[in-house]
Amino acid sequence: MLIQEMTGDECRIALGQTDFARLACVRGDQPYIVPIYFSYDGKHLYGVTTLGQKIEWMRTNPLVCLEIDERTNHYQWMSVVVFGRYEELPDTAEYGHARAHALEVLQKRETWWQTACVAGEKREEPIPLFYRIHIEKVTGHRATPDAIEAATLDPEEARGYR
């Protein structure tokens, strides 16, 4: 297997092609990681959710890490890690433009509203909370099969269709 570092442009393209990630935050010395849906505008990641543990923790410590990945097979995969800073976008005049932009970016994703507007077992009337993550650093790695490994894959796997 050959593992290569992805360029910043390749990482940004990967972020633009997915809408699902794992978000990590920390409170005290305890890490916490959760799956999230997001949208990307080339500069920030945007999300909508309801008040819960991740929001409470990010309010305490806004430094976060987000990971996306794609695995075709054992020899073909990519992983991108974003280091950033959480910013809540409250429903105030000061954040009106930012919230409108967040909504515009989020609406490009089908069912963007679902995680914030579907009542869970403990929530009767969910209140949507918009946020963005300022990207401070992005890194990524991509694996491809070497010549010997590629020879063991069937033709469709070697082209990345599985």
Protein backbone atom coordinates (compact mmCIF):
# COMPACT_ATOMS: atom_id res chain seq x y z
CA MET A 1 0.00 0.00 0.00
CA LEU A 2 1.20 3.49 -0.85
CA ILE A 3 0.15 6.25 1.55
CA GLN A 4 0.44 9.82 0.32
CA GLU A 5 -0.19 13.14 1.97
CA MET A 6 -3.05 15.00 0.34
CA THR A 7 -2.63 18.62 -0.72
CA GLY A 8 -4.75 21.35 0.81
CA ASP A 9 -6.76 21.56 -2.41
CA GLU A 10 -7.40 17.79 -2.38
CA CYS A 11 -8.57 18.03 1.24
CA ARG A 12 -10.93 20.90 0.40
CA ILE A 13 -12.34 18.99 -2.57
CA ALA A 14 -12.99 15.98 -0.30
CA LEU A 15 -14.76 18.23 2.23
CA GLY A 16 -16.95 19.58 -0.55
CA GLN A 17 -17.92 16.09 -1.70
CA THR A 18 -19.20 14.77 1.62
CA ASP A 19 -21.65 15.85 4.27
CA PHE A 20 -20.96 13.38 7.08
CA ALA A 21 -18.13 13.54 9.61
CA ARG A 22 -17.05 12.79 13.12
CA LEU A 23 -16.69 15.83 15.36
CA ALA A 24 -14.39 15.72 18.37
CA CYS A 25 -14.45 18.17 21.26
CA VAL A 26 -12.96 18.20 24.75
CA ARG A 27 -14.09 19.39 28.15
CA GLY A 28 -11.56 19.24 30.94
CA ASP A 29 -9.42 16.28 30.00
CA GLN A 30 -12.28 14.17 28.59
CA PRO A 31 -12.60 13.87 24.79
CA TYR A 32 -15.98 13.32 23.14
CA ILE A 33 -16.68 12.38 19.52
CA VAL A 34 -20.01 12.31 17.66
CA PRO A 35 -21.20 11.86 14.08
CA ILE A 36 -22.53 15.01 12.43
CA TYR A 37 -23.87 16.22 9.11
CA PHE A 38 -22.36 19.43 7.76
CA SER A 39 -22.09 21.66 4.71
CA TYR A 40 -18.94 23.34 3.44
CA ASP A 41 -18.63 26.69 1.66
CA GLY A 42 -14.91 26.57 0.91
CA LYS A 43 -14.03 28.48 4.09
CA HIS A 44 -16.21 27.21 6.96
CA LEU A 45 -18.12 24.09 7.92
CA TYR A 46 -21.76 24.73 8.86
CA GLY A 47 -24.10 22.65 10.97
CA VAL A 48 -27.49 22.74 12.61
CA THR A 49 -28.36 20.79 15.73
CA THR A 50 -30.14 21.12 19.06
CA LEU A 51 -28.76 21.86 22.49
CA GLY A 52 -26.97 18.85 23.93
CA GLN A 53 -23.63 17.59 25.14
CA LYS A 54 -21.57 18.56 22.08
CA ILE A 55 -22.86 22.15 22.11
CA GLU A 56 -22.34 22.49 25.86
CA TRP A 57 -18.80 21.17 25.51
CA MET A 58 -17.96 23.37 22.49
CA ARG A 59 -19.25 26.41 24.37
CA THR A 60 -16.77 25.57 27.13
CA ASN A 61 -13.88 24.85 24.74
CA PRO A 62 -14.39 26.00 21.13
CA LEU A 63 -11.34 24.13 19.77
CA VAL A 64 -12.60 21.15 17.78
CA CYS A 65 -11.42 18.51 15.36
CA LEU A 66 -13.44 16.98 12.55
CA GLU A 67 -12.64 13.84 10.51
CA ILE A 68 -14.05 12.56 7.24
CA ASP A 69 -13.03 9.37 5.52
CA GLU A 70 -13.81 7.13 2.60
CA ARG A 71 -12.82 3.50 2.32
CA THR A 72 -13.05 1.70 -1.00
CA ASN A 73 -11.15 -1.38 0.18
CA HIS A 74 -8.22 -2.28 2.41
CA TYR A 75 -5.72 -0.71 -0.01
CA GLN A 76 -7.74 2.32 -1.13
CA TRP A 77 -8.92 4.94 1.33
CA MET A 78 -8.62 8.59 2.26
CA SER A 79 -8.94 10.47 5.52
CA VAL A 80 -9.11 14.23 6.10
CA VAL A 81 -8.76 15.91 9.50
CA VAL A 82 -9.86 19.50 10.13
CA PHE A 83 -8.66 21.50 13.12
CA GLY A 84 -10.90 24.42 13.85
CA ARG A 85 -12.84 26.66 16.17
CA TYR A 86 -16.55 26.43 16.96
CA GLU A 87 -18.72 29.54 16.67
CA GLU A 88 -22.40 29.57 17.54
CA LEU A 89 -24.65 31.61 15.26
CA PRO A 90 -27.41 32.89 17.56
CA ASP A 91 -30.69 34.31 16.25
CA THR A 92 -29.69 37.96 16.73
CA ALA A 93 -29.31 40.95 14.42
CA GLU A 94 -25.53 40.78 14.83
CA TYR A 95 -25.48 37.26 13.35
CA GLY A 96 -28.27 37.76 10.80
CA HIS A 97 -26.00 37.71 7.76
CA ALA A 98 -23.98 34.74 9.06
CA ARG A 99 -27.18 32.75 9.79
CA ALA A 100 -28.60 33.55 6.34
CA HIS A 101 -25.36 32.34 4.74
CA ALA A 102 -25.36 29.21 6.92
CA LEU A 103 -28.93 28.45 5.87
CA GLU A 104 -28.05 28.97 2.20
CA VAL A 105 -25.06 26.61 2.46
CA LEU A 106 -26.93 24.00 4.52
CA GLN A 107 -29.90 23.94 2.11
CA LYS A 108 -27.64 22.53 -0.60
CA ARG A 109 -27.71 19.26 1.36
CA GLU A 110 -30.83 17.14 1.25
CA THR A 111 -32.60 16.84 4.63
CA TRP A 112 -30.16 19.34 6.15
CA TRP A 113 -32.71 20.25 8.83
CA GLN A 114 -33.47 16.73 10.02
CA THR A 115 -31.00 16.37 12.90
CA ALA A 116 -32.22 19.60 14.49
CA CYS A 117 -35.93 19.41 13.80
CA VAL A 118 -36.90 15.83 14.50
CA ALA A 119 -37.99 15.34 18.08
CA GLY A 120 -36.06 12.68 19.96
CA GLU A 121 -37.17 10.68 22.97
CA LYS A 122 -36.27 13.47 25.40
CA ARG A 123 -37.06 16.48 23.18
CA GLU A 124 -40.64 17.50 22.52
CA GLU A 125 -40.05 20.79 20.70
CA PRO A 126 -36.52 20.93 19.32
CA ILE A 127 -35.00 24.37 18.84
CA PRO A 128 -32.54 24.50 15.92
CA LEU A 129 -29.09 25.85 16.75
CA PHE A 130 -26.85 26.99 13.88
CA TYR A 131 -23.07 26.95 14.12
CA ARG A 132 -19.95 27.14 12.00
CA ILE A 133 -16.46 25.84 12.35
CA HIS A 134 -13.64 28.16 11.34
CA ILE A 135 -11.07 25.97 9.63
CA GLU A 136 -7.59 26.66 10.99
CA LYS A 137 -5.73 23.67 9.55
CA VAL A 138 -6.59 20.73 7.31
CA THR A 139 -4.54 17.59 6.63
CA GLY A 140 -5.24 14.40 4.77
CA HIS A 141 -3.82 11.11 3.61
CA ARG A 142 -4.76 8.83 0.75
CA ALA A 143 -3.83 5.17 0.29
CA THR A 144 -3.59 3.39 -3.04
CA PRO A 145 -2.58 -0.20 -3.74
CA ASP A 146 1.00 -0.86 -4.80
CA ALA A 147 1.62 -2.94 -7.95
CA ILE A 148 1.48 -6.29 -6.14
CA GLU A 149 -1.70 -5.40 -4.22
CA ALA A 150 -3.38 -4.01 -7.34
CA ALA A 151 -2.77 -7.33 -9.12
CA THR A 152 -4.76 -9.15 -6.40
CA LEU A 153 -7.84 -6.92 -6.76
CA ASP A 154 -10.56 -7.71 -9.25
CA PRO A 155 -10.79 -5.12 -12.07
CA GLU A 156 -13.71 -3.20 -10.54
CA GLU A 157 -11.99 -2.91 -7.14
CA ALA A 158 -8.79 -1.75 -8.81
CA ARG A 159 -10.75 1.08 -10.45
CA GLY A 160 -12.32 2.01 -7.09
CA TYR A 161 -15.93 1.07 -7.84
CA ARG A 162 -16.43 -1.05 -4.71
